[in-house]
Amino acid sequence: MLNQIVLVGRLTRNITVNKSDNGIKVATIPLAIPRSFKNSEGTYDTDFIDCVAFDAIASNTSEYCEKGDIVGVKGRIQSRTIDKEGQKENVMEIIAEKVTFLSSHTKEENEETEK
């Protein structure tokens, strides 16, 4: 069996890291990924996909990447059941196992370009 996904897209916002109830760092990596074909109106649609990252991956991505940067995410699709207003609901998530910074800049570089 194989459960693997590879996505490359732009960050739609800056990433914030939160801590779960049990102390694990968690971040959502929001990607905008344009489709490779045009729709019936002659434009490219874009898919917006959120990926979930934990611990070091969450911290590093938050520290070195910002809105507009291009990143690659290798991970897996995971399903889980949540309780939403007393109703059980199945949710599909992309769990990031590796994030590659394809166009990110360090904060020092950004500060230098702003001067």
PDB file of N, CA and C in Angstrom:
ATOM      1  N   MET A   1       0.839  -1.179   0.000  1.00  0.00           N
ATOM      2  CA  MET A   1       0.000   0.000   0.000  1.00  0.00           C
ATOM      3  C   MET A   1       0.887   1.247   0.000  1.00  0.00           C
ATOM      4  N   LEU A   2       0.338   2.327  -0.508  1.00  0.00           N
ATOM      5  CA  LEU A   2       1.094   3.568  -0.576  1.00  0.00           C
ATOM      6  C   LEU A   2       0.157   4.738  -0.287  1.00  0.00           C
ATOM      7  N   ASN A   3       0.577   5.608   0.606  1.00  0.00           N
ATOM      8  CA  ASN A   3      -0.172   6.823   0.931  1.00  0.00           C
ATOM      9  C   ASN A   3       0.844   7.954   0.944  1.00  0.00           C
ATOM     10  N   GLN A   4       1.028   8.580  -0.208  1.00  0.00           N
ATOM     11  CA  GLN A   4       2.023   9.627  -0.321  1.00  0.00           C
ATOM     12  C   GLN A   4       1.503  10.718  -1.250  1.00  0.00           C
ATOM     13  N   ILE A   5       1.786  11.966  -0.889  1.00  0.00           N
ATOM     14  CA  ILE A   5       1.368  13.102  -1.704  1.00  0.00           C
ATOM     15  C   ILE A   5       2.513  14.106  -1.756  1.00  0.00           C
ATOM     16  N   VAL A   6       2.681  14.733  -2.918  1.00  0.00           N
ATOM     17  CA  VAL A   6       3.688  15.773  -3.092  1.00  0.00           C
ATOM     18  C   VAL A   6       2.971  16.992  -3.670  1.00  0.00           C
ATOM     19  N   LEU A   7       3.121  18.123  -2.997  1.00  0.00           N
ATOM     20  CA  LEU A   7       2.492  19.376  -3.419  1.00  0.00           C
ATOM     21  C   LEU A   7       3.547  20.471  -3.496  1.00  0.00           C
ATOM     22  N   VAL A   8       3.419  21.346  -4.490  1.00  0.00           N
ATOM     23  CA  VAL A   8       4.277  22.519  -4.591  1.00  0.00           C
ATOM     24  C   VAL A   8       3.355  23.710  -4.828  1.00  0.00           C
ATOM     25  N   GLY A   9       3.472  24.703  -3.950  1.00  0.00           N
ATOM     26  CA  GLY A   9       2.611  25.872  -4.085  1.00  0.00           C
ATOM     27  C   GLY A   9       3.134  27.057  -3.311  1.00  0.00           C
ATOM     28  N   ARG A  10       2.393  28.149  -3.368  1.00  0.00           N
ATOM     29  CA  ARG A  10       2.743  29.380  -2.643  1.00  0.00           C
ATOM     30  C   ARG A  10       1.979  29.445  -1.335  1.00  0.00           C
ATOM     31  N   LEU A  11       2.650  29.975  -0.315  1.00  0.00           N
ATOM     32  CA  LEU A  11       1.980  30.199   0.966  1.00  0.00           C
ATOM     33  C   LEU A  11       1.002  31.351   0.825  1.00  0.00           C
ATOM     34  N   THR A  12      -0.230  31.140   1.287  1.00  0.00           N
ATOM     35  CA  THR A  12      -1.246  32.188   1.168  1.00  0.00           C
ATOM     36  C   THR A  12      -1.249  33.144   2.353  1.00  0.00           C
ATOM     37  N   ARG A  13      -0.537  32.785   3.411  1.00  0.00           N
ATOM     38  CA  ARG A  13      -0.408  33.669   4.577  1.00  0.00           C
ATOM     39  C   ARG A  13       0.802  33.222   5.393  1.00  0.00           C
ATOM     40  N   ASN A  14       1.232  34.071   6.315  1.00  0.00           N
ATOM     41  CA  ASN A  14       2.319  33.687   7.213  1.00  0.00           C
ATOM     42  C   ASN A  14       1.854  32.571   8.126  1.00  0.00           C
ATOM     43  N   ILE A  15       2.770  31.719   8.516  1.00  0.00           N
ATOM     44  CA  ILE A  15       2.446  30.541   9.322  1.00  0.00           C
ATOM     45  C   ILE A  15       2.631  30.869  10.796  1.00  0.00           C
ATOM     46  N   THR A  16       1.665  30.476  11.603  1.00  0.00           N
ATOM     47  CA  THR A  16       1.793  30.615  13.049  1.00  0.00           C
ATOM     48  C   THR A  16       1.799  29.222  13.667  1.00  0.00           C
ATOM     49  N   VAL A  17       2.634  29.075  14.683  1.00  0.00           N
ATOM     50  CA  VAL A  17       2.755  27.793  15.379  1.00  0.00           C
ATOM     51  C   VAL A  17       1.986  27.877  16.690  1.00  0.00           C
ATOM     52  N   ASN A  18       1.160  26.887  16.931  1.00  0.00           N
ATOM     53  CA  ASN A  18       0.402  26.784  18.179  1.00  0.00           C
ATOM     54  C   ASN A  18       0.824  25.511  18.893  1.00  0.00           C
ATOM     55  N   LYS A  19       0.468  25.422  20.157  1.00  0.00           N
ATOM     56  CA  LYS A  19       0.724  24.189  20.908  1.00  0.00           C
ATOM     57  C   LYS A  19      -0.587  23.481  21.168  1.00  0.00           C
ATOM     58  N   SER A  20      -0.584  22.172  20.963  1.00  0.00           N
ATOM     59  CA  SER A  20      -1.785  21.382  21.242  1.00  0.00           C
ATOM     60  C   SER A  20      -1.925  21.200  22.750  1.00  0.00           C
ATOM     61  N   ASP A  21      -3.020  20.590  23.164  1.00  0.00           N
ATOM     62  CA  ASP A  21      -3.269  20.367  24.590  1.00  0.00           C
ATOM     63  C   ASP A  21      -2.168  19.537  25.246  1.00  0.00           C
ATOM     64  N   ASN A  22      -1.536  18.658  24.471  1.00  0.00           N
ATOM     65  CA  ASN A  22      -0.478  17.820  25.035  1.00  0.00           C
ATOM     66  C   ASN A  22       0.926  18.376  24.753  1.00  0.00           C
ATOM     67  N   GLY A  23       1.031  19.659  24.355  1.00  0.00           N
ATOM     68  CA  GLY A  23       2.321  20.328  24.235  1.00  0.00           C
ATOM     69  C   GLY A  23       3.041  20.174  22.911  1.00  0.00           C
ATOM     70  N   ILE A  24       2.413  19.579  21.910  1.00  0.00           N
ATOM     71  CA  ILE A  24       3.044  19.393  20.602  1.00  0.00           C
ATOM     72  C   ILE A  24       2.836  20.651  19.763  1.00  0.00           C
ATOM     73  N   LYS A  25       3.912  21.114  19.091  1.00  0.00           N
ATOM     74  CA  LYS A  25       3.810  22.274  18.204  1.00  0.00           C
ATOM     75  C   LYS A  25       3.069  21.852  16.932  1.00  0.00           C
ATOM     76  N   VAL A  26       2.105  22.679  16.533  1.00  0.00           N
ATOM     77  CA  VAL A  26       1.283  22.395  15.357  1.00  0.00           C
ATOM     78  C   VAL A  26       1.158  23.664  14.517  1.00  0.00           C
ATOM     79  N   ALA A  27       1.288  23.520  13.201  1.00  0.00           N
ATOM     80  CA  ALA A  27       1.106  24.654  12.294  1.00  0.00           C
ATOM     81  C   ALA A  27       0.337  24.196  11.066  1.00  0.00           C
ATOM     82  N   THR A  28      -0.455  25.099  10.528  1.00  0.00           N
ATOM     83  CA  THR A  28      -1.127  24.849   9.258  1.00  0.00           C
ATOM     84  C   THR A  28      -0.342  25.559   8.168  1.00  0.00           C
ATOM     85  N   ILE A  29      -0.003  24.810   7.126  1.00  0.00           N
ATOM     86  CA  ILE A  29       0.728  25.365   5.986  1.00  0.00           C
ATOM     87  C   ILE A  29      -0.296  25.559   4.863  1.00  0.00           C
ATOM     88  N   PRO A  30      -0.702  26.805   4.611  1.00  0.00           N
ATOM     89  CA  PRO A  30      -1.748  27.074   3.618  1.00  0.00           C
ATOM     90  C   PRO A  30      -1.162  27.273   2.218  1.00  0.00           C
ATOM     91  N   LEU A  31      -1.439  26.359   1.305  1.00  0.00           N
ATOM     92  CA  LEU A  31      -0.870  26.425  -0.038  1.00  0.00           C
ATOM     93  C   LEU A  31      -1.902  26.810  -1.083  1.00  0.00           C
ATOM     94  N   ALA A  32      -1.472  27.621  -2.042  1.00  0.00           N
ATOM     95  CA  ALA A  32      -2.249  27.918  -3.247  1.00  0.00           C
ATOM     96  C   ALA A  32      -1.517  27.240  -4.401  1.00  0.00           C
ATOM     97  N   ILE A  33      -2.227  26.341  -5.102  1.00  0.00           N
ATOM     98  CA  ILE A  33      -1.600  25.557  -6.163  1.00  0.00           C
ATOM     99  C   ILE A  33      -2.415  25.736  -7.447  1.00  0.00           C
ATOM    100  N   PRO A  34      -1.845  26.448  -8.435  1.00  0.00           N
ATOM    101  CA  PRO A  34      -2.584  26.632  -9.686  1.00  0.00           C
ATOM    102  C   PRO A  34      -2.647  25.320 -10.468  1.00  0.00           C
ATOM    103  N   ARG A  35      -3.780  25.091 -11.102  1.00  0.00           N
ATOM    104  CA  ARG A  35      -3.929  23.887 -11.935  1.00  0.00           C
ATOM    105  C   ARG A  35      -3.150  24.066 -13.232  1.00  0.00           C
ATOM    106  N   SER A  36      -2.800  22.965 -13.850  1.00  0.00           N
ATOM    107  CA  SER A  36      -1.961  23.015 -15.047  1.00  0.00           C
ATOM    108  C   SER A  36      -2.771  23.126 -16.336  1.00  0.00           C
ATOM    109  N   PHE A  37      -4.080  23.323 -16.216  1.00  0.00           N
ATOM    110  CA  PHE A  37      -4.914  23.443 -17.416  1.00  0.00           C
ATOM    111  C   PHE A  37      -5.922  24.576 -17.207  1.00  0.00           C
ATOM    112  N   LYS A  38      -6.397  25.113 -18.310  1.00  0.00           N
ATOM    113  CA  LYS A  38      -7.351  26.225 -18.252  1.00  0.00           C
ATOM    114  C   LYS A  38      -8.773  25.700 -18.137  1.00  0.00           C
ATOM    115  N   ASN A  39      -9.613  26.479 -17.473  1.00  0.00           N
ATOM    116  CA  ASN A  39     -11.029  26.117 -17.361  1.00  0.00           C
ATOM    117  C   ASN A  39     -11.768  26.573 -18.626  1.00  0.00           C
ATOM    118  N   SER A  40     -13.078  26.433 -18.632  1.00  0.00           N
ATOM    119  CA  SER A  40     -13.876  26.771 -19.815  1.00  0.00           C
ATOM    120  C   SER A  40     -13.845  28.273 -20.143  1.00  0.00           C
ATOM    121  N   GLU A  41     -13.460  29.095 -19.161  1.00  0.00           N
ATOM    122  CA  GLU A  41     -13.365  30.540 -19.388  1.00  0.00           C
ATOM    123  C   GLU A  41     -11.976  30.965 -19.842  1.00  0.00           C
ATOM    124  N   GLY A  42     -11.051  30.005 -19.961  1.00  0.00           N
ATOM    125  CA  GLY A  42      -9.712  30.304 -20.446  1.00  0.00           C
ATOM    126  C   GLY A  42      -8.734  30.761 -19.383  1.00  0.00           C
ATOM    127  N   THR A  43      -9.077  30.585 -18.102  1.00  0.00           N
ATOM    128  CA  THR A  43      -8.167  30.957 -17.018  1.00  0.00           C
ATOM    129  C   THR A  43      -7.797  29.715 -16.200  1.00  0.00           C
ATOM    130  N   TYR A  44      -6.751  29.841 -15.439  1.00  0.00           N
ATOM    131  CA  TYR A  44      -6.291  28.749 -14.593  1.00  0.00           C
ATOM    132  C   TYR A  44      -6.963  28.836 -13.224  1.00  0.00           C
ATOM    133  N   ASP A  45      -7.602  27.764 -12.805  1.00  0.00           N
ATOM    134  CA  ASP A  45      -8.156  27.702 -11.457  1.00  0.00           C
ATOM    135  C   ASP A  45      -7.033  27.413 -10.478  1.00  0.00           C
ATOM    136  N   THR A  46      -7.249  27.739  -9.221  1.00  0.00           N
ATOM    137  CA  THR A  46      -6.269  27.484  -8.172  1.00  0.00           C
ATOM    138  C   THR A  46      -6.916  26.671  -7.071  1.00  0.00           C
ATOM    139  N   ASP A  47      -6.190  25.662  -6.596  1.00  0.00           N
ATOM    140  CA  ASP A  47      -6.650  24.877  -5.452  1.00  0.00           C
ATOM    141  C   ASP A  47      -5.968  25.413  -4.202  1.00  0.00           C
ATOM    142  N   PHE A  48      -6.732  25.542  -3.129  1.00  0.00           N
ATOM    143  CA  PHE A  48      -6.211  25.996  -1.843  1.00  0.00           C
ATOM    144  C   PHE A  48      -6.239  24.801  -0.902  1.00  0.00           C
ATOM    145  N   ILE A  49      -5.047  24.363  -0.497  1.00  0.00           N
ATOM    146  CA  ILE A  49      -4.919  23.144   0.297  1.00  0.00           C
ATOM    147  C   ILE A  49      -4.126  23.454   1.562  1.00  0.00           C
ATOM    148  N   ASP A  50      -4.700  23.105   2.705  1.00  0.00           N
ATOM    149  CA  ASP A  50      -4.010  23.269   3.986  1.00  0.00           C
ATOM    150  C   ASP A  50      -3.311  21.961   4.349  1.00  0.00           C
ATOM    151  N   CYS A  51      -2.068  22.081   4.775  1.00  0.00           N
ATOM    152  CA  CYS A  51      -1.298  20.940   5.257  1.00  0.00           C
ATOM    153  C   CYS A  51      -1.005  21.166   6.739  1.00  0.00           C
ATOM    154  N   VAL A  52      -0.935  20.102   7.500  1.00  0.00           N
ATOM    155  CA  VAL A  52      -0.664  20.198   8.926  1.00  0.00           C
ATOM    156  C   VAL A  52       0.766  19.713   9.179  1.00  0.00           C
ATOM    157  N   ALA A  53       1.543  20.509   9.925  1.00  0.00           N
ATOM    158  CA  ALA A  53       2.921  20.159  10.264  1.00  0.00           C
ATOM    159  C   ALA A  53       3.077  20.162  11.784  1.00  0.00           C
ATOM    160  N   PHE A  54       3.987  19.331  12.268  1.00  0.00           N
ATOM    161  CA  PHE A  54       4.212  19.199  13.706  1.00  0.00           C
ATOM    162  C   PHE A  54       5.671  19.479  14.063  1.00  0.00           C
ATOM    163  N   ASP A  55       5.887  19.841  15.311  1.00  0.00           N
ATOM    164  CA  ASP A  55       7.196  19.995  15.952  1.00  0.00           C
ATOM    165  C   ASP A  55       8.195  20.777  15.109  1.00  0.00           C
ATOM    166  N   ALA A  56       9.349  20.172  14.772  1.00  0.00           N
ATOM    167  CA  ALA A  56      10.428  20.890  14.097  1.00  0.00           C
ATOM    168  C   ALA A  56      10.013  21.379  12.711  1.00  0.00           C
ATOM    169  N   ILE A  57       9.238  20.580  11.991  1.00  0.00           N
ATOM    170  CA  ILE A  57       8.792  21.011  10.660  1.00  0.00           C
ATOM    171  C   ILE A  57       7.933  22.266  10.791  1.00  0.00           C
ATOM    172  N   ALA A  58       7.038  22.289  11.757  1.00  0.00           N
ATOM    173  CA  ALA A  58       6.184  23.454  11.986  1.00  0.00           C
ATOM    174  C   ALA A  58       7.028  24.679  12.346  1.00  0.00           C
ATOM    175  N   SER A  59       7.952  24.518  13.278  1.00  0.00           N
ATOM    176  CA  SER A  59       8.791  25.642  13.726  1.00  0.00           C
ATOM    177  C   SER A  59       9.662  26.190  12.602  1.00  0.00           C
ATOM    178  N   ASN A  60      10.347  25.298  11.884  1.00  0.00           N
ATOM    179  CA  ASN A  60      11.259  25.737  10.820  1.00  0.00           C
ATOM    180  C   ASN A  60      10.518  26.422   9.677  1.00  0.00           C
ATOM    181  N   THR A  61       9.392  25.874   9.282  1.00  0.00           N
ATOM    182  CA  THR A  61       8.630  26.475   8.195  1.00  0.00           C
ATOM    183  C   THR A  61       8.131  27.853   8.610  1.00  0.00           C
ATOM    184  N   SER A  62       7.672  27.985   9.838  1.00  0.00           N
ATOM    185  CA  SER A  62       7.203  29.275  10.340  1.00  0.00           C
ATOM    186  C   SER A  62       8.339  30.295  10.399  1.00  0.00           C
ATOM    187  N   GLU A  63       9.516  29.839  10.802  1.00  0.00           N
ATOM    188  CA  GLU A  63      10.650  30.752  10.970  1.00  0.00           C
ATOM    189  C   GLU A  63      11.233  31.229   9.643  1.00  0.00           C
ATOM    190  N   TYR A  64      11.330  30.346   8.656  1.00  0.00           N
ATOM    191  CA  TYR A  64      12.057  30.671   7.425  1.00  0.00           C
ATOM    192  C   TYR A  64      11.170  31.010   6.227  1.00  0.00           C
ATOM    193  N   CYS A  65       9.870  30.835   6.333  1.00  0.00           N
ATOM    194  CA  CYS A  65       8.995  31.102   5.194  1.00  0.00           C
ATOM    195  C   CYS A  65       7.930  32.118   5.564  1.00  0.00           C
ATOM    196  N   GLU A  66       7.489  32.864   4.560  1.00  0.00           N
ATOM    197  CA  GLU A  66       6.431  33.835   4.772  1.00  0.00           C
ATOM    198  C   GLU A  66       5.494  33.846   3.576  1.00  0.00           C
ATOM    199  N   LYS A  67       4.408  34.571   3.711  1.00  0.00           N
ATOM    200  CA  LYS A  67       3.393  34.653   2.660  1.00  0.00           C
ATOM    201  C   LYS A  67       4.045  34.931   1.303  1.00  0.00           C
ATOM    202  N   GLY A  68       3.652  34.158   0.287  1.00  0.00           N
ATOM    203  CA  GLY A  68       4.171  34.338  -1.062  1.00  0.00           C
ATOM    204  C   GLY A  68       5.322  33.418  -1.416  1.00  0.00           C
ATOM    205  N   ASP A  69       5.998  32.840  -0.428  1.00  0.00           N
ATOM    206  CA  ASP A  69       7.098  31.927  -0.706  1.00  0.00           C
ATOM    207  C   ASP A  69       6.574  30.630  -1.314  1.00  0.00           C
ATOM    208  N   ILE A  70       7.405  30.003  -2.130  1.00  0.00           N
ATOM    209  CA  ILE A  70       7.056  28.718  -2.722  1.00  0.00           C
ATOM    210  C   ILE A  70       7.685  27.613  -1.883  1.00  0.00           C
ATOM    211  N   VAL A  71       6.874  26.619  -1.516  1.00  0.00           N
ATOM    212  CA  VAL A  71       7.365  25.473  -0.748  1.00  0.00           C
ATOM    213  C   VAL A  71       6.865  24.180  -1.379  1.00  0.00           C
ATOM    214  N   GLY A  72       7.632  23.135  -1.163  1.00  0.00           N
ATOM    215  CA  GLY A  72       7.217  21.794  -1.550  1.00  0.00           C
ATOM    216  C   GLY A  72       6.888  21.022  -0.289  1.00  0.00           C
ATOM    217  N   VAL A  73       5.800  20.285  -0.312  1.00  0.00           N
ATOM    218  CA  VAL A  73       5.379  19.494   0.844  1.00  0.00           C
ATOM    219  C   VAL A  73       5.256  18.040   0.415  1.00  0.00           C
ATOM    220  N   LYS A  74       5.967  17.168   1.110  1.00  0.00           N
ATOM    221  CA  LYS A  74       5.819  15.731   0.916  1.00  0.00           C
ATOM    222  C   LYS A  74       5.145  15.208   2.169  1.00  0.00           C
ATOM    223  N   GLY A  75       4.116  14.420   2.003  1.00  0.00           N
ATOM    224  CA  GLY A  75       3.408  13.943   3.175  1.00  0.00           C
ATOM    225  C   GLY A  75       2.456  12.818   2.860  1.00  0.00           C
ATOM    226  N   ARG A  76       1.440  12.717   3.699  1.00  0.00           N
ATOM    227  CA  ARG A  76       0.443  11.659   3.549  1.00  0.00           C
ATOM    228  C   ARG A  76      -0.946  12.233   3.820  1.00  0.00           C
ATOM    229  N   ILE A  77      -1.951  11.548   3.321  1.00  0.00           N
ATOM    230  CA  ILE A  77      -3.334  11.911   3.597  1.00  0.00           C
ATOM    231  C   ILE A  77      -3.790  11.086   4.785  1.00  0.00           C
ATOM    232  N   GLN A  78      -4.436  11.750   5.721  1.00  0.00           N
ATOM    233  CA  GLN A  78      -4.884  11.072   6.938  1.00  0.00           C
ATOM    234  C   GLN A  78      -6.341  11.439   7.197  1.00  0.00           C
ATOM    235  N   SER A  79      -7.106  10.465   7.614  1.00  0.00           N
ATOM    236  CA  SER A  79      -8.493  10.755   7.979  1.00  0.00           C
ATOM    237  C   SER A  79      -8.648  10.603   9.487  1.00  0.00           C
ATOM    238  N   ARG A  80      -9.528  11.408  10.030  1.00  0.00           N
ATOM    239  CA  ARG A  80      -9.840  11.298  11.451  1.00  0.00           C
ATOM    240  C   ARG A  80     -11.275  11.733  11.664  1.00  0.00           C
ATOM    241  N   THR A  81     -11.837  11.348  12.789  1.00  0.00           N
ATOM    242  CA  THR A  81     -13.205  11.690  13.121  1.00  0.00           C
ATOM    243  C   THR A  81     -13.201  12.777  14.193  1.00  0.00           C
ATOM    244  N   ILE A  82     -13.978  13.831  13.946  1.00  0.00           N
ATOM    245  CA  ILE A  82     -14.106  14.895  14.938  1.00  0.00           C
ATOM    246  C   ILE A  82     -15.564  14.983  15.377  1.00  0.00           C
ATOM    247  N   ASP A  83     -15.765  15.531  16.554  1.00  0.00           N
ATOM    248  CA  ASP A  83     -17.114  15.717  17.078  1.00  0.00           C
ATOM    249  C   ASP A  83     -17.490  17.175  16.845  1.00  0.00           C
ATOM    250  N   LYS A  84     -18.422  17.420  15.937  1.00  0.00           N
ATOM    251  CA  LYS A  84     -18.815  18.783  15.594  1.00  0.00           C
ATOM    252  C   LYS A  84     -20.278  18.974  15.987  1.00  0.00           C
ATOM    253  N   GLU A  85     -20.462  19.723  17.066  1.00  0.00           N
ATOM    254  CA  GLU A  85     -21.795  20.017  17.589  1.00  0.00           C
ATOM    255  C   GLU A  85     -22.610  18.742  17.815  1.00  0.00           C
ATOM    256  N   GLY A  86     -21.966  17.752  18.424  1.00  0.00           N
ATOM    257  CA  GLY A  86     -22.641  16.502  18.754  1.00  0.00           C
ATOM    258  C   GLY A  86     -22.733  15.511  17.606  1.00  0.00           C
ATOM    259  N   GLN A  87     -22.242  15.873  16.430  1.00  0.00           N
ATOM    260  CA  GLN A  87     -22.280  14.985  15.274  1.00  0.00           C
ATOM    261  C   GLN A  87     -20.867  14.563  14.919  1.00  0.00           C
ATOM    262  N   LYS A  88     -20.672  13.291  14.647  1.00  0.00           N
ATOM    263  CA  LYS A  88     -19.365  12.775  14.217  1.00  0.00           C
ATOM    264  C   LYS A  88     -19.171  13.122  12.749  1.00  0.00           C
ATOM    265  N   GLU A  89     -17.982  13.641  12.437  1.00  0.00           N
ATOM    266  CA  GLU A  89     -17.679  14.039  11.067  1.00  0.00           C
ATOM    267  C   GLU A  89     -16.285  13.554  10.697  1.00  0.00           C
ATOM    268  N   ASN A  90     -16.151  12.915   9.537  1.00  0.00           N
ATOM    269  CA  ASN A  90     -14.840  12.479   9.053  1.00  0.00           C
ATOM    270  C   ASN A  90     -14.158  13.638   8.336  1.00  0.00           C
ATOM    271  N   VAL A  91     -12.866  13.835   8.625  1.00  0.00           N
ATOM    272  CA  VAL A  91     -12.092  14.915   8.039  1.00  0.00           C
ATOM    273  C   VAL A  91     -10.843  14.313   7.401  1.00  0.00           C
ATOM    274  N   MET A  92     -10.504  14.783   6.206  1.00  0.00           N
ATOM    275  CA  MET A  92      -9.271  14.373   5.534  1.00  0.00           C
ATOM    276  C   MET A  92      -8.246  15.495   5.696  1.00  0.00           C
ATOM    277  N   GLU A  93      -7.007  15.131   6.057  1.00  0.00           N
ATOM    278  CA  GLU A  93      -5.940  16.120   6.251  1.00  0.00           C
ATOM    279  C   GLU A  93      -4.696  15.685   5.498  1.00  0.00           C
ATOM    280  N   ILE A  94      -3.906  16.667   5.093  1.00  0.00           N
ATOM    281  CA  ILE A  94      -2.586  16.413   4.538  1.00  0.00           C
ATOM    282  C   ILE A  94      -1.603  16.618   5.684  1.00  0.00           C
ATOM    283  N   ILE A  95      -0.873  15.568   6.056  1.00  0.00           N
ATOM    284  CA  ILE A  95       0.128  15.656   7.120  1.00  0.00           C
ATOM    285  C   ILE A  95       1.499  15.821   6.456  1.00  0.00           C
ATOM    286  N   ALA A  96       2.151  16.947   6.721  1.00  0.00           N
ATOM    287  CA  ALA A  96       3.459  17.236   6.132  1.00  0.00           C
ATOM    288  C   ALA A  96       4.537  16.429   6.856  1.00  0.00           C
ATOM    289  N   GLU A  97       5.271  15.633   6.095  1.00  0.00           N
ATOM    290  CA  GLU A  97       6.385  14.864   6.650  1.00  0.00           C
ATOM    291  C   GLU A  97       7.726  15.495   6.294  1.00  0.00           C
ATOM    292  N   LYS A  98       7.730  16.296   5.227  1.00  0.00           N
ATOM    293  CA  LYS A  98       8.939  17.021   4.821  1.00  0.00           C
ATOM    294  C   LYS A  98       8.503  18.268   4.072  1.00  0.00           C
ATOM    295  N   VAL A  99       9.125  19.402   4.391  1.00  0.00           N
ATOM    296  CA  VAL A  99       8.842  20.659   3.696  1.00  0.00           C
ATOM    297  C   VAL A  99      10.151  21.180   3.121  1.00  0.00           C
ATOM    298  N   THR A 100      10.142  21.477   1.824  1.00  0.00           N
ATOM    299  CA  THR A 100      11.315  22.010   1.145  1.00  0.00           C
ATOM    300  C   THR A 100      11.056  23.470   0.815  1.00  0.00           C
ATOM    301  N   PHE A 101      11.972  24.339   1.233  1.00  0.00           N
ATOM    302  CA  PHE A 101      11.837  25.777   0.992  1.00  0.00           C
ATOM    303  C   PHE A 101      12.401  26.068  -0.399  1.00  0.00           C
ATOM    304  N   LEU A 102      11.550  26.411  -1.333  1.00  0.00           N
ATOM    305  CA  LEU A 102      11.983  26.601  -2.710  1.00  0.00           C
ATOM    306  C   LEU A 102      12.276  28.056  -3.056  1.00  0.00           C
ATOM    307  N   SER A 103      11.668  29.005  -2.335  1.00  0.00           N
ATOM    308  CA  SER A 103      11.957  30.419  -2.623  1.00  0.00           C
ATOM    309  C   SER A 103      11.954  31.265  -1.368  1.00  0.00           C
ATOM    310  N   SER A 104      12.209  30.667  -0.228  1.00  0.00           N
ATOM    311  CA  SER A 104      12.136  31.435   1.012  1.00  0.00           C
ATOM    312  C   SER A 104      13.394  32.268   1.215  1.00  0.00           C
ATOM    313  N   HIS A 105      13.262  33.276   2.048  1.00  0.00           N
ATOM    314  CA  HIS A 105      14.366  34.163   2.395  1.00  0.00           C
ATOM    315  C   HIS A 105      14.458  34.218   3.904  1.00  0.00           C
ATOM    316  N   THR A 106      15.672  34.303   4.419  1.00  0.00           N
ATOM    317  CA  THR A 106      15.798  34.439   5.864  1.00  0.00           C
ATOM    318  C   THR A 106      15.351  35.828   6.279  1.00  0.00           C
ATOM    319  N   LYS A 107      15.020  35.978   7.535  1.00  0.00           N
ATOM    320  CA  LYS A 107      14.548  37.268   8.030  1.00  0.00           C
ATOM    321  C   LYS A 107      15.615  38.344   7.868  1.00  0.00           C
ATOM    322  N   GLU A 108      16.890  37.978   8.010  1.00  0.00           N
ATOM    323  CA  GLU A 108      17.972  38.954   7.852  1.00  0.00           C
ATOM    324  C   GLU A 108      18.006  39.466   6.423  1.00  0.00           C
ATOM    325  N   GLU A 109      17.825  38.581   5.426  1.00  0.00           N
ATOM    326  CA  GLU A 109      17.819  39.016   4.035  1.00  0.00           C
ATOM    327  C   GLU A 109      16.665  39.968   3.775  1.00  0.00           C
ATOM    328  N   ASN A 110      15.493  39.664   4.350  1.00  0.00           N
ATOM    329  CA  ASN A 110      14.327  40.520   4.174  1.00  0.00           C
ATOM    330  C   ASN A 110      14.553  41.888   4.791  1.00  0.00           C
ATOM    331  N   GLU A 111      15.200  41.937   5.957  1.00  0.00           N
ATOM    332  CA  GLU A 111      15.471  43.223   6.608  1.00  0.00           C
ATOM    333  C   GLU A 111      16.434  44.047   5.773  1.00  0.00           C
ATOM    334  N   GLU A 112      17.427  43.389   5.136  1.00  0.00           N
ATOM    335  CA  GLU A 112      18.384  44.105   4.320  1.00  0.00           C
ATOM    336  C   GLU A 112      17.728  44.701   3.087  1.00  0.00           C
ATOM    337  N   THR A 113      16.803  43.967   2.483  1.00  0.00           N
ATOM    338  CA  THR A 113      16.150  44.476   1.274  1.00  0.00           C
ATOM    339  C   THR A 113      15.166  45.579   1.592  1.00  0.00           C
ATOM    340  N   GLU A 114      14.682  45.651   2.840  1.00  0.00           N
ATOM    341  CA  GLU A 114      13.750  46.686   3.225  1.00  0.00           C
ATOM    342  C   GLU A 114      14.446  48.021   3.494  1.00  0.00           C
ATOM    343  N   LYS A 115      15.757  48.011   3.729  1.00  0.00           N
ATOM    344  CA  LYS A 115      16.502  49.247   4.047  1.00  0.00           C
ATOM    345  C   LYS A 115      16.711  50.133   2.855  1.00  0.00           C
TER     346      LYS A 115
END
